[in-house]
PDB file of N, CA and C in Angstrom:
ATOM      1  N   UNK A   1       0.806  -1.198   0.132  1.00  0.00           N
ATOM      2  CA  UNK A   1       0.023   0.027  -0.096  1.00  0.00           C
ATOM      3  C   UNK A   1       0.875   1.210   0.006  1.00  0.00           C
ATOM      4  N   UNK A   2       0.401   2.168  -0.692  1.00  0.00           N
ATOM      5  CA  UNK A   2       1.316   3.365  -0.802  1.00  0.00           C
ATOM      6  C   UNK A   2       1.542   4.149   0.686  1.00  0.00           C
ATOM      7  N   UNK A   3       0.494   4.136   1.451  1.00  0.00           N
ATOM      8  CA  UNK A   3       0.518   4.599   2.820  1.00  0.00           C
ATOM      9  C   UNK A   3       1.734   3.903   3.524  1.00  0.00           C
ATOM     10  N   UNK A   4       1.623   2.468   3.586  1.00  0.00           N
ATOM     11  CA  UNK A   4       2.719   1.842   4.115  1.00  0.00           C
ATOM     12  C   UNK A   4       4.225   2.329   3.709  1.00  0.00           C
ATOM     13  N   UNK A   5       4.360   2.439   2.365  1.00  0.00           N
ATOM     14  CA  UNK A   5       5.732   3.001   1.761  1.00  0.00           C
ATOM     15  C   UNK A   5       5.918   4.373   2.634  1.00  0.00           C
ATOM     16  N   UNK A   6       4.931   5.265   2.605  1.00  0.00           N
ATOM     17  CA  UNK A   6       5.141   6.442   3.066  1.00  0.00           C
ATOM     18  C   UNK A   6       5.438   6.482   4.408  1.00  0.00           C
ATOM     19  N   UNK A   7       4.855   5.607   5.275  1.00  0.00           N
ATOM     20  CA  UNK A   7       5.072   5.469   6.761  1.00  0.00           C
ATOM     21  C   UNK A   7       6.346   4.928   6.972  1.00  0.00           C
ATOM     22  N   UNK A   8       6.953   4.012   6.040  1.00  0.00           N
ATOM     23  CA  UNK A   8       8.206   3.540   6.296  1.00  0.00           C
ATOM     24  C   UNK A   8       9.232   4.626   5.985  1.00  0.00           C
ATOM     25  N   UNK A   9       9.153   5.357   5.046  1.00  0.00           N
ATOM     26  CA  UNK A   9       9.832   6.434   4.682  1.00  0.00           C
ATOM     27  C   UNK A   9       9.973   7.515   5.534  1.00  0.00           C
ATOM     28  N   UNK A  10       8.901   7.842   6.247  1.00  0.00           N
ATOM     29  CA  UNK A  10       8.892   9.018   6.889  1.00  0.00           C
ATOM     30  C   UNK A  10       8.934   8.674   8.538  1.00  0.00           C
ATOM     31  N   UNK A  11       8.660   7.444   8.919  1.00  0.00           N
ATOM     32  CA  UNK A  11       8.844   7.068  10.251  1.00  0.00           C
ATOM     33  C   UNK A  11       9.497   5.678  10.250  1.00  0.00           C
ATOM     34  N   UNK A  12      10.755   5.716   9.974  1.00  0.00           N
ATOM     35  CA  UNK A  12      11.535   4.388   9.961  1.00  0.00           C
ATOM     36  C   UNK A  12      11.742   3.634  11.172  1.00  0.00           C
ATOM     37  N   UNK A  13      11.251   2.328  11.197  1.00  0.00           N
ATOM     38  CA  UNK A  13      11.410   1.543  12.375  1.00  0.00           C
ATOM     39  C   UNK A  13      11.980   0.179  11.855  1.00  0.00           C
ATOM     40  N   UNK A  14      13.055  -0.321  12.487  1.00  0.00           N
ATOM     41  CA  UNK A  14      13.669  -1.452  11.850  1.00  0.00           C
ATOM     42  C   UNK A  14      13.658  -2.670  13.068  1.00  0.00           C
ATOM     43  N   UNK A  15      13.462  -3.940  12.607  1.00  0.00           N
ATOM     44  CA  UNK A  15      13.687  -5.077  13.476  1.00  0.00           C
ATOM     45  C   UNK A  15      15.099  -5.545  13.200  1.00  0.00           C
ATOM     46  N   UNK A  16      16.035  -5.612  14.060  1.00  0.00           N
ATOM     47  CA  UNK A  16      17.250  -6.154  13.858  1.00  0.00           C
ATOM     48  C   UNK A  16      17.604  -7.641  14.586  1.00  0.00           C
ATOM     49  N   UNK A  17      16.636  -8.503  14.468  1.00  0.00           N
ATOM     50  CA  UNK A  17      16.812  -9.690  14.998  1.00  0.00           C
ATOM     51  C   UNK A  17      16.223 -10.136  16.394  1.00  0.00           C
ATOM     52  N   UNK A  18      16.819 -10.860  17.100  1.00  0.00           N
ATOM     53  CA  UNK A  18      16.668 -11.034  18.567  1.00  0.00           C
ATOM     54  C   UNK A  18      17.734 -11.253  19.368  1.00  0.00           C
ATOM     55  N   UNK A  19      17.358 -11.015  20.871  1.00  0.00           N
ATOM     56  CA  UNK A  19      18.663 -11.322  21.540  1.00  0.00           C
ATOM     57  C   UNK A  19      18.732 -12.766  21.911  1.00  0.00           C
ATOM     58  N   UNK A  20      19.365 -13.077  22.987  1.00  0.00           N
ATOM     59  CA  UNK A  20      19.528 -14.549  23.291  1.00  0.00           C
ATOM     60  C   UNK A  20      18.350 -15.223  23.917  1.00  0.00           C
ATOM     61  N   UNK A  21      17.316 -14.504  24.340  1.00  0.00           N
ATOM     62  CA  UNK A  21      16.226 -14.902  25.105  1.00  0.00           C
ATOM     63  C   UNK A  21      15.028 -14.704  24.170  1.00  0.00           C
ATOM     64  N   UNK A  22      15.071 -14.406  22.974  1.00  0.00           N
ATOM     65  CA  UNK A  22      14.114 -14.284  21.807  1.00  0.00           C
ATOM     66  C   UNK A  22      13.366 -12.941  21.715  1.00  0.00           C
ATOM     67  N   UNK A  23      13.964 -12.019  22.583  1.00  0.00           N
ATOM     68  CA  UNK A  23      13.203 -10.658  22.611  1.00  0.00           C
ATOM     69  C   UNK A  23      13.688  -9.818  21.178  1.00  0.00           C
ATOM     70  N   UNK A  24      12.565  -9.514  20.392  1.00  0.00           N
ATOM     71  CA  UNK A  24      13.100  -8.797  19.261  1.00  0.00           C
ATOM     72  C   UNK A  24      13.649  -7.513  19.503  1.00  0.00           C
ATOM     73  N   UNK A  25      14.706  -7.020  18.631  1.00  0.00           N
ATOM     74  CA  UNK A  25      15.468  -5.925  18.972  1.00  0.00           C
ATOM     75  C   UNK A  25      15.021  -4.972  17.823  1.00  0.00           C
ATOM     76  N   UNK A  26      14.288  -3.708  18.224  1.00  0.00           N
ATOM     77  CA  UNK A  26      13.862  -2.854  17.232  1.00  0.00           C
ATOM     78  C   UNK A  26      14.693  -1.566  17.253  1.00  0.00           C
ATOM     79  N   UNK A  27      14.758  -0.673  16.496  1.00  0.00           N
ATOM     80  CA  UNK A  27      15.507   0.504  16.347  1.00  0.00           C
ATOM     81  C   UNK A  27      14.594   1.522  15.736  1.00  0.00           C
ATOM     82  N   UNK A  28      14.519   2.802  16.312  1.00  0.00           N
ATOM     83  CA  UNK A  28      13.908   3.846  15.903  1.00  0.00           C
ATOM     84  C   UNK A  28      14.730   5.025  16.019  1.00  0.00           C
ATOM     85  N   UNK A  29      14.677   5.886  15.035  1.00  0.00           N
ATOM     86  CA  UNK A  29      15.443   7.171  14.891  1.00  0.00           C
ATOM     87  C   UNK A  29      14.582   8.430  14.740  1.00  0.00           C
ATOM     88  N   UNK A  30      14.283   8.963  16.049  1.00  0.00           N
ATOM     89  CA  UNK A  30      13.270  10.094  16.196  1.00  0.00           C
ATOM     90  C   UNK A  30      13.738  11.224  15.193  1.00  0.00           C
ATOM     91  N   UNK A  31      14.967  11.410  15.035  1.00  0.00           N
ATOM     92  CA  UNK A  31      15.150  12.635  14.259  1.00  0.00           C
ATOM     93  C   UNK A  31      15.057  12.414  12.680  1.00  0.00           C
ATOM     94  N   UNK A  32      14.644  11.172  12.396  1.00  0.00           N
ATOM     95  CA  UNK A  32      14.301  10.939  11.032  1.00  0.00           C
ATOM     96  C   UNK A  32      12.718  10.964  10.664  1.00  0.00           C
ATOM     97  N   UNK A  33      11.967  10.892  11.805  1.00  0.00           N
ATOM     98  CA  UNK A  33      10.575  11.192  11.763  1.00  0.00           C
ATOM     99  C   UNK A  33      10.301  12.456  10.918  1.00  0.00           C
ATOM    100  N   UNK A  34       9.496  12.422   9.872  1.00  0.00           N
ATOM    101  CA  UNK A  34       9.235  13.516   9.056  1.00  0.00           C
ATOM    102  C   UNK A  34       7.648  13.733   8.986  1.00  0.00           C
ATOM    103  N   UNK A  35       7.169  14.658   9.982  1.00  0.00           N
ATOM    104  CA  UNK A  35       5.696  14.837  10.149  1.00  0.00           C
ATOM    105  C   UNK A  35       4.972  15.418   8.902  1.00  0.00           C
ATOM    106  N   UNK A  36       5.751  16.304   8.158  1.00  0.00           N
ATOM    107  CA  UNK A  36       5.232  16.896   6.850  1.00  0.00           C
ATOM    108  C   UNK A  36       5.069  15.970   5.854  1.00  0.00           C
ATOM    109  N   UNK A  37       6.213  15.099   5.613  1.00  0.00           N
ATOM    110  CA  UNK A  37       5.946  13.911   4.665  1.00  0.00           C
ATOM    111  C   UNK A  37       4.852  12.882   5.039  1.00  0.00           C
ATOM    112  N   UNK A  38       4.628  12.643   6.420  1.00  0.00           N
ATOM    113  CA  UNK A  38       3.629  11.767   6.769  1.00  0.00           C
ATOM    114  C   UNK A  38       1.917  12.451   6.459  1.00  0.00           C
ATOM    115  N   UNK A  39       1.925  13.635   6.936  1.00  0.00           N
ATOM    116  CA  UNK A  39       0.727  14.297   6.808  1.00  0.00           C
ATOM    117  C   UNK A  39       0.346  14.639   5.352  1.00  0.00           C
ATOM    118  N   UNK A  40       1.274  14.618   4.467  1.00  0.00           N
ATOM    119  CA  UNK A  40       0.989  15.035   3.180  1.00  0.00           C
ATOM    120  C   UNK A  40       0.258  13.746   2.494  1.00  0.00           C
ATOM    121  N   UNK A  41       0.406  12.677   3.099  1.00  0.00           N
ATOM    122  CA  UNK A  41      -0.070  11.504   2.506  1.00  0.00           C
ATOM    123  C   UNK A  41      -1.129  10.859   3.332  1.00  0.00           C
ATOM    124  N   UNK A  42      -1.342  11.041   4.533  1.00  0.00           N
ATOM    125  CA  UNK A  42      -2.306  10.475   5.411  1.00  0.00           C
ATOM    126  C   UNK A  42      -2.834  11.373   6.649  1.00  0.00           C
ATOM    127  N   UNK A  43      -3.821  11.203   7.225  1.00  0.00           N
ATOM    128  CA  UNK A  43      -4.242  11.991   8.390  1.00  0.00           C
ATOM    129  C   UNK A  43      -3.805  11.302   9.722  1.00  0.00           C
ATOM    130  N   UNK A  44      -3.797  11.973  10.893  1.00  0.00           N
ATOM    131  CA  UNK A  44      -3.339  11.333  11.959  1.00  0.00           C
ATOM    132  C   UNK A  44      -4.055   9.969  12.259  1.00  0.00           C
ATOM    133  N   UNK A  45      -5.275   9.699  12.030  1.00  0.00           N
ATOM    134  CA  UNK A  45      -5.851   8.509  12.318  1.00  0.00           C
ATOM    135  C   UNK A  45      -5.334   7.355  11.501  1.00  0.00           C
ATOM    136  N   UNK A  46      -4.860   7.782  10.128  1.00  0.00           N
ATOM    137  CA  UNK A  46      -4.071   6.875   9.335  1.00  0.00           C
ATOM    138  C   UNK A  46      -2.667   6.519   9.980  1.00  0.00           C
ATOM    139  N   UNK A  47      -2.113   7.442  10.498  1.00  0.00           N
ATOM    140  CA  UNK A  47      -0.861   7.249  10.990  1.00  0.00           C
ATOM    141  C   UNK A  47      -0.941   6.522  12.043  1.00  0.00           C
ATOM    142  N   UNK A  48      -1.818   6.700  12.962  1.00  0.00           N
ATOM    143  CA  UNK A  48      -1.890   5.881  14.201  1.00  0.00           C
ATOM    144  C   UNK A  48      -2.285   4.467  13.893  1.00  0.00           C
ATOM    145  N   UNK A  49      -3.230   4.328  12.763  1.00  0.00           N
ATOM    146  CA  UNK A  49      -3.425   2.852  12.289  1.00  0.00           C
ATOM    147  C   UNK A  49      -2.165   2.220  11.981  1.00  0.00           C
ATOM    148  N   UNK A  50      -1.423   2.826  11.207  1.00  0.00           N
ATOM    149  CA  UNK A  50      -0.178   2.134  10.750  1.00  0.00           C
ATOM    150  C   UNK A  50       0.713   1.997  11.746  1.00  0.00           C
ATOM    151  N   UNK A  51       0.852   2.696  12.759  1.00  0.00           N
ATOM    152  CA  UNK A  51       1.805   2.608  13.887  1.00  0.00           C
ATOM    153  C   UNK A  51       1.170   1.374  14.780  1.00  0.00           C
ATOM    154  N   UNK A  52      -0.137   1.225  14.947  1.00  0.00           N
ATOM    155  CA  UNK A  52      -0.699   0.095  15.616  1.00  0.00           C
ATOM    156  C   UNK A  52      -0.418  -1.079  14.761  1.00  0.00           C
ATOM    157  N   UNK A  53      -0.478  -1.192  13.421  1.00  0.00           N
ATOM    158  CA  UNK A  53      -0.142  -2.347  12.617  1.00  0.00           C
ATOM    159  C   UNK A  53       1.284  -2.800  12.830  1.00  0.00           C
ATOM    160  N   UNK A  54       2.197  -1.786  13.015  1.00  0.00           N
ATOM    161  CA  UNK A  54       3.560  -2.194  13.087  1.00  0.00           C
ATOM    162  C   UNK A  54       3.477  -2.860  14.597  1.00  0.00           C
ATOM    163  N   UNK A  55       2.989  -2.326  15.653  1.00  0.00           N
ATOM    164  CA  UNK A  55       3.016  -2.997  16.918  1.00  0.00           C
ATOM    165  C   UNK A  55       2.404  -4.306  16.883  1.00  0.00           C
ATOM    166  N   UNK A  56       1.249  -4.510  16.075  1.00  0.00           N
ATOM    167  CA  UNK A  56       0.755  -5.700  15.994  1.00  0.00           C
ATOM    168  C   UNK A  56       1.684  -6.782  15.204  1.00  0.00           C
ATOM    169  N   UNK A  57       2.366  -6.343  14.185  1.00  0.00           N
ATOM    170  CA  UNK A  57       3.269  -7.055  13.462  1.00  0.00           C
ATOM    171  C   UNK A  57       4.484  -7.592  14.537  1.00  0.00           C
ATOM    172  N   UNK A  58       4.795  -6.822  15.480  1.00  0.00           N
ATOM    173  CA  UNK A  58       5.806  -7.114  16.284  1.00  0.00           C
ATOM    174  C   UNK A  58       5.315  -8.203  17.272  1.00  0.00           C
ATOM    175  N   UNK A  59       4.207  -8.082  17.626  1.00  0.00           N
ATOM    176  CA  UNK A  59       3.574  -9.152  18.676  1.00  0.00           C
ATOM    177  C   UNK A  59       3.479 -10.361  17.875  1.00  0.00           C
ATOM    178  N   UNK A  60       3.173 -10.442  16.591  1.00  0.00           N
ATOM    179  CA  UNK A  60       3.164 -11.745  16.040  1.00  0.00           C
ATOM    180  C   UNK A  60       4.518 -12.327  15.975  1.00  0.00           C
ATOM    181  N   UNK A  61       5.573 -11.319  15.494  1.00  0.00           N
ATOM    182  CA  UNK A  61       6.815 -11.907  15.600  1.00  0.00           C
ATOM    183  C   UNK A  61       7.338 -12.364  16.660  1.00  0.00           C
ATOM    184  N   UNK A  62       6.845 -11.851  17.906  1.00  0.00           N
ATOM    185  CA  UNK A  62       7.477 -12.248  19.201  1.00  0.00           C
ATOM    186  C   UNK A  62       6.530 -13.645  19.516  1.00  0.00           C
ATOM    187  N   UNK A  63       5.569 -13.928  18.959  1.00  0.00           N
ATOM    188  CA  UNK A  63       4.978 -15.388  19.193  1.00  0.00           C
ATOM    189  C   UNK A  63       5.439 -16.412  18.119  1.00  0.00           C
ATOM    190  N   UNK A  64       6.329 -16.009  17.527  1.00  0.00           N
ATOM    191  CA  UNK A  64       7.058 -17.026  16.486  1.00  0.00           C
ATOM    192  C   UNK A  64       8.158 -17.796  17.167  1.00  0.00           C
ATOM    193  N   UNK A  65       8.168 -18.994  16.899  1.00  0.00           N
ATOM    194  CA  UNK A  65       9.388 -19.722  17.513  1.00  0.00           C
ATOM    195  C   UNK A  65      10.641 -19.356  17.093  1.00  0.00           C
ATOM    196  N   UNK A  66      11.796 -19.050  17.893  1.00  0.00           N
ATOM    197  CA  UNK A  66      13.181 -18.522  17.447  1.00  0.00           C
ATOM    198  C   UNK A  66      14.129 -19.484  17.482  1.00  0.00           C
ATOM    199  N   UNK A  67      13.947 -20.640  18.180  1.00  0.00           N
ATOM    200  CA  UNK A  67      14.825 -21.686  18.242  1.00  0.00           C
ATOM    201  C   UNK A  67      14.200 -22.916  18.742  1.00  0.00           C
ATOM    202  N   UNK A  68      14.777 -23.914  18.071  1.00  0.00           N
ATOM    203  CA  UNK A  68      14.376 -25.303  18.418  1.00  0.00           C
ATOM    204  C   UNK A  68      14.519 -25.608  19.641  1.00  0.00           C
ATOM    205  N   UNK A  69      15.489 -25.103  20.455  1.00  0.00           N
ATOM    206  CA  UNK A  69      15.790 -25.493  21.741  1.00  0.00           C
ATOM    207  C   UNK A  69      15.089 -24.705  22.839  1.00  0.00           C
ATOM    208  N   UNK A  70      14.602 -23.564  22.617  1.00  0.00           N
ATOM    209  CA  UNK A  70      13.871 -22.803  23.408  1.00  0.00           C
ATOM    210  C   UNK A  70      12.431 -22.690  23.165  1.00  0.00           C
ATOM    211  N   UNK A  71      11.658 -22.761  24.157  1.00  0.00           N
ATOM    212  CA  UNK A  71      10.047 -23.093  23.752  1.00  0.00           C
ATOM    213  C   UNK A  71       9.264 -21.934  24.915  1.00  0.00           C
ATOM    214  N   UNK A  72       9.938 -21.039  25.390  1.00  0.00           N
ATOM    215  CA  UNK A  72       9.090 -20.121  26.302  1.00  0.00           C
ATOM    216  C   UNK A  72       8.509 -19.016  25.539  1.00  0.00           C
ATOM    217  N   UNK A  73       7.407 -18.451  26.002  1.00  0.00           N
ATOM    218  CA  UNK A  73       6.838 -17.441  25.476  1.00  0.00           C
ATOM    219  C   UNK A  73       7.434 -15.891  25.738  1.00  0.00           C
ATOM    220  N   UNK A  74       7.615 -15.248  24.521  1.00  0.00           N
ATOM    221  CA  UNK A  74       8.324 -13.875  24.800  1.00  0.00           C
ATOM    222  C   UNK A  74       7.310 -12.831  24.746  1.00  0.00           C
ATOM    223  N   UNK A  75       7.307 -12.173  25.886  1.00  0.00           N
ATOM    224  CA  UNK A  75       6.439 -11.084  26.097  1.00  0.00           C
ATOM    225  C   UNK A  75       6.981  -9.788  25.954  1.00  0.00           C
ATOM    226  N   UNK A  76       8.296  -9.555  25.823  1.00  0.00           N
ATOM    227  CA  UNK A  76       8.926  -8.179  25.812  1.00  0.00           C
ATOM    228  C   UNK A  76       9.715  -7.877  24.595  1.00  0.00           C
ATOM    229  N   UNK A  77      10.077  -6.844  24.124  1.00  0.00           N
ATOM    230  CA  UNK A  77      10.981  -6.339  23.182  1.00  0.00           C
ATOM    231  C   UNK A  77      11.934  -5.389  23.756  1.00  0.00           C
ATOM    232  N   UNK A  78      13.094  -5.313  22.922  1.00  0.00           N
ATOM    233  CA  UNK A  78      14.174  -4.314  23.258  1.00  0.00           C
ATOM    234  C   UNK A  78      13.972  -3.355  22.056  1.00  0.00           C
ATOM    235  N   UNK A  79      13.843  -1.959  22.529  1.00  0.00           N
ATOM    236  CA  UNK A  79      13.698  -0.883  21.587  1.00  0.00           C
ATOM    237  C   UNK A  79      14.839   0.036  21.660  1.00  0.00           C
ATOM    238  N   UNK A  80      15.537   0.274  20.760  1.00  0.00           N
ATOM    239  CA  UNK A  80      16.776   1.216  20.906  1.00  0.00           C
ATOM    240  C   UNK A  80      16.307   2.356  20.145  1.00  0.00           C
ATOM    241  N   UNK A  81      16.422   3.615  20.731  1.00  0.00           N
ATOM    242  CA  UNK A  81      16.080   4.797  20.273  1.00  0.00           C
ATOM    243  C   UNK A  81      17.615   5.357  19.934  1.00  0.00           C
ATOM    244  N   UNK A  82      17.949   5.505  18.483  1.00  0.00           N
ATOM    245  CA  UNK A  82      19.051   6.117  18.077  1.00  0.00           C
ATOM    246  C   UNK A  82      18.987   7.578  17.952  1.00  0.00           C
ATOM    247  N   UNK A  83      19.628   8.079  18.967  1.00  0.00           N
ATOM    248  CA  UNK A  83      19.566   9.589  19.021  1.00  0.00           C
ATOM    249  C   UNK A  83      20.714  10.393  18.389  1.00  0.00           C
ATOM    250  N   UNK A  84      21.523   9.899  17.297  1.00  0.00           N
ATOM    251  CA  UNK A  84      22.296  10.489  16.598  1.00  0.00           C
ATOM    252  C   UNK A  84      21.735  11.792  15.946  1.00  0.00           C
ATOM    253  N   UNK A  85      22.287  12.899  16.200  1.00  0.00           N
ATOM    254  CA  UNK A  85      21.753  14.382  15.405  1.00  0.00           C
ATOM    255  C   UNK A  85      20.761  14.793  16.493  1.00  0.00           C
ATOM    256  N   UNK A  86      20.356  14.232  17.445  1.00  0.00           N
ATOM    257  CA  UNK A  86      19.313  14.806  18.429  1.00  0.00           C
ATOM    258  C   UNK A  86      19.875  15.958  19.157  1.00  0.00           C
ATOM    259  N   UNK A  87      19.081  17.051  19.189  1.00  0.00           N
ATOM    260  CA  UNK A  87      19.478  18.364  19.964  1.00  0.00           C
ATOM    261  C   UNK A  87      18.014  18.805  20.291  1.00  0.00           C
ATOM    262  N   UNK A  88      18.162  19.921  20.999  1.00  0.00           N
ATOM    263  CA  UNK A  88      16.833  20.703  21.622  1.00  0.00           C
ATOM    264  C   UNK A  88      16.186  21.171  20.384  1.00  0.00           C
ATOM    265  N   UNK A  89      16.923  21.453  19.298  1.00  0.00           N
ATOM    266  CA  UNK A  89      16.209  21.987  18.155  1.00  0.00           C
ATOM    267  C   UNK A  89      15.387  21.167  17.427  1.00  0.00           C
ATOM    268  N   UNK A  90      15.622  19.744  17.601  1.00  0.00           N
ATOM    269  CA  UNK A  90      14.511  18.731  17.233  1.00  0.00           C
ATOM    270  C   UNK A  90      13.213  19.008  17.682  1.00  0.00           C
ATOM    271  N   UNK A  91      12.964  19.663  18.655  1.00  0.00           N
ATOM    272  CA  UNK A  91      11.629  20.009  19.079  1.00  0.00           C
ATOM    273  C   UNK A  91      11.189  21.315  18.504  1.00  0.00           C
ATOM    274  N   UNK A  92      11.090  21.403  17.163  1.00  0.00           N
ATOM    275  CA  UNK A  92      10.487  22.545  16.514  1.00  0.00           C
ATOM    276  C   UNK A  92       8.867  22.538  16.819  1.00  0.00           C
ATOM    277  N   UNK A  93       8.300  23.731  16.630  1.00  0.00           N
ATOM    278  CA  UNK A  93       6.841  23.703  16.868  1.00  0.00           C
ATOM    279  C   UNK A  93       6.140  22.728  15.996  1.00  0.00           C
ATOM    280  N   UNK A  94       6.575  22.448  14.815  1.00  0.00           N
ATOM    281  CA  UNK A  94       5.853  21.653  13.849  1.00  0.00           C
ATOM    282  C   UNK A  94       6.107  20.125  14.563  1.00  0.00           C
ATOM    283  N   UNK A  95       7.133  19.771  14.843  1.00  0.00           N
ATOM    284  CA  UNK A  95       7.374  18.396  15.409  1.00  0.00           C
ATOM    285  C   UNK A  95       6.621  18.214  16.742  1.00  0.00           C
ATOM    286  N   UNK A  96       6.806  19.132  17.626  1.00  0.00           N
ATOM    287  CA  UNK A  96       6.138  19.134  18.802  1.00  0.00           C
ATOM    288  C   UNK A  96       4.487  19.245  18.828  1.00  0.00           C
ATOM    289  N   UNK A  97       3.988  19.802  17.866  1.00  0.00           N
ATOM    290  CA  UNK A  97       2.634  19.730  17.511  1.00  0.00           C
ATOM    291  C   UNK A  97       2.214  18.501  17.004  1.00  0.00           C
ATOM    292  N   UNK A  98       2.989  17.801  16.192  1.00  0.00           N
ATOM    293  CA  UNK A  98       2.662  16.518  15.615  1.00  0.00           C
ATOM    294  C   UNK A  98       2.638  15.422  16.690  1.00  0.00           C
ATOM    295  N   UNK A  99       3.658  15.380  17.673  1.00  0.00           N
ATOM    296  CA  UNK A  99       3.619  14.581  18.727  1.00  0.00           C
ATOM    297  C   UNK A  99       2.681  14.708  19.715  1.00  0.00           C
ATOM    298  N   UNK A 100       2.189  15.993  19.938  1.00  0.00           N
ATOM    299  CA  UNK A 100       0.985  16.369  20.636  1.00  0.00           C
ATOM    300  C   UNK A 100      -0.255  15.750  20.071  1.00  0.00           C
ATOM    301  N   UNK A 101      -0.526  15.950  18.879  1.00  0.00           N
ATOM    302  CA  UNK A 101      -1.630  15.219  18.091  1.00  0.00           C
ATOM    303  C   UNK A 101      -1.726  13.820  18.204  1.00  0.00           C
ATOM    304  N   UNK A 102      -0.594  13.042  18.188  1.00  0.00           N
ATOM    305  CA  UNK A 102      -0.675  11.545  18.314  1.00  0.00           C
ATOM    306  C   UNK A 102      -0.980  11.289  19.785  1.00  0.00           C
TER     307      UNK A 102
END
C-alpha cells in the first residue's frame, strides 16, 4: 500500500533480529521522523493505524518460535532509540505539535 511505503519512509522502524532470550530488537530514529511527509499522504488516524499495525506485527513476530531449543513465550522487546543528531532544536513547533496530536 502506498501509505505503508510513506509510513516507512517518513517514520522508519527496523527489526534487527532477537537477543539470546528471543526478545525482538527494534531501532527507531526520532530525528528521521518527518511529520510533513507523513501528513502529506495521510491523516493522524491513518498514521496511528499504521503505527498500531507495526505494533501488531511485532506481537506476531514475538509469538513465532525463534529456536528449536527454547520454547518459552516472549512478552517483551528491546527498543533502541538512536539519538544521533538529536538536539533541542529537534523540538520545533511543527514536530512538537505533531507529537501532541498523536
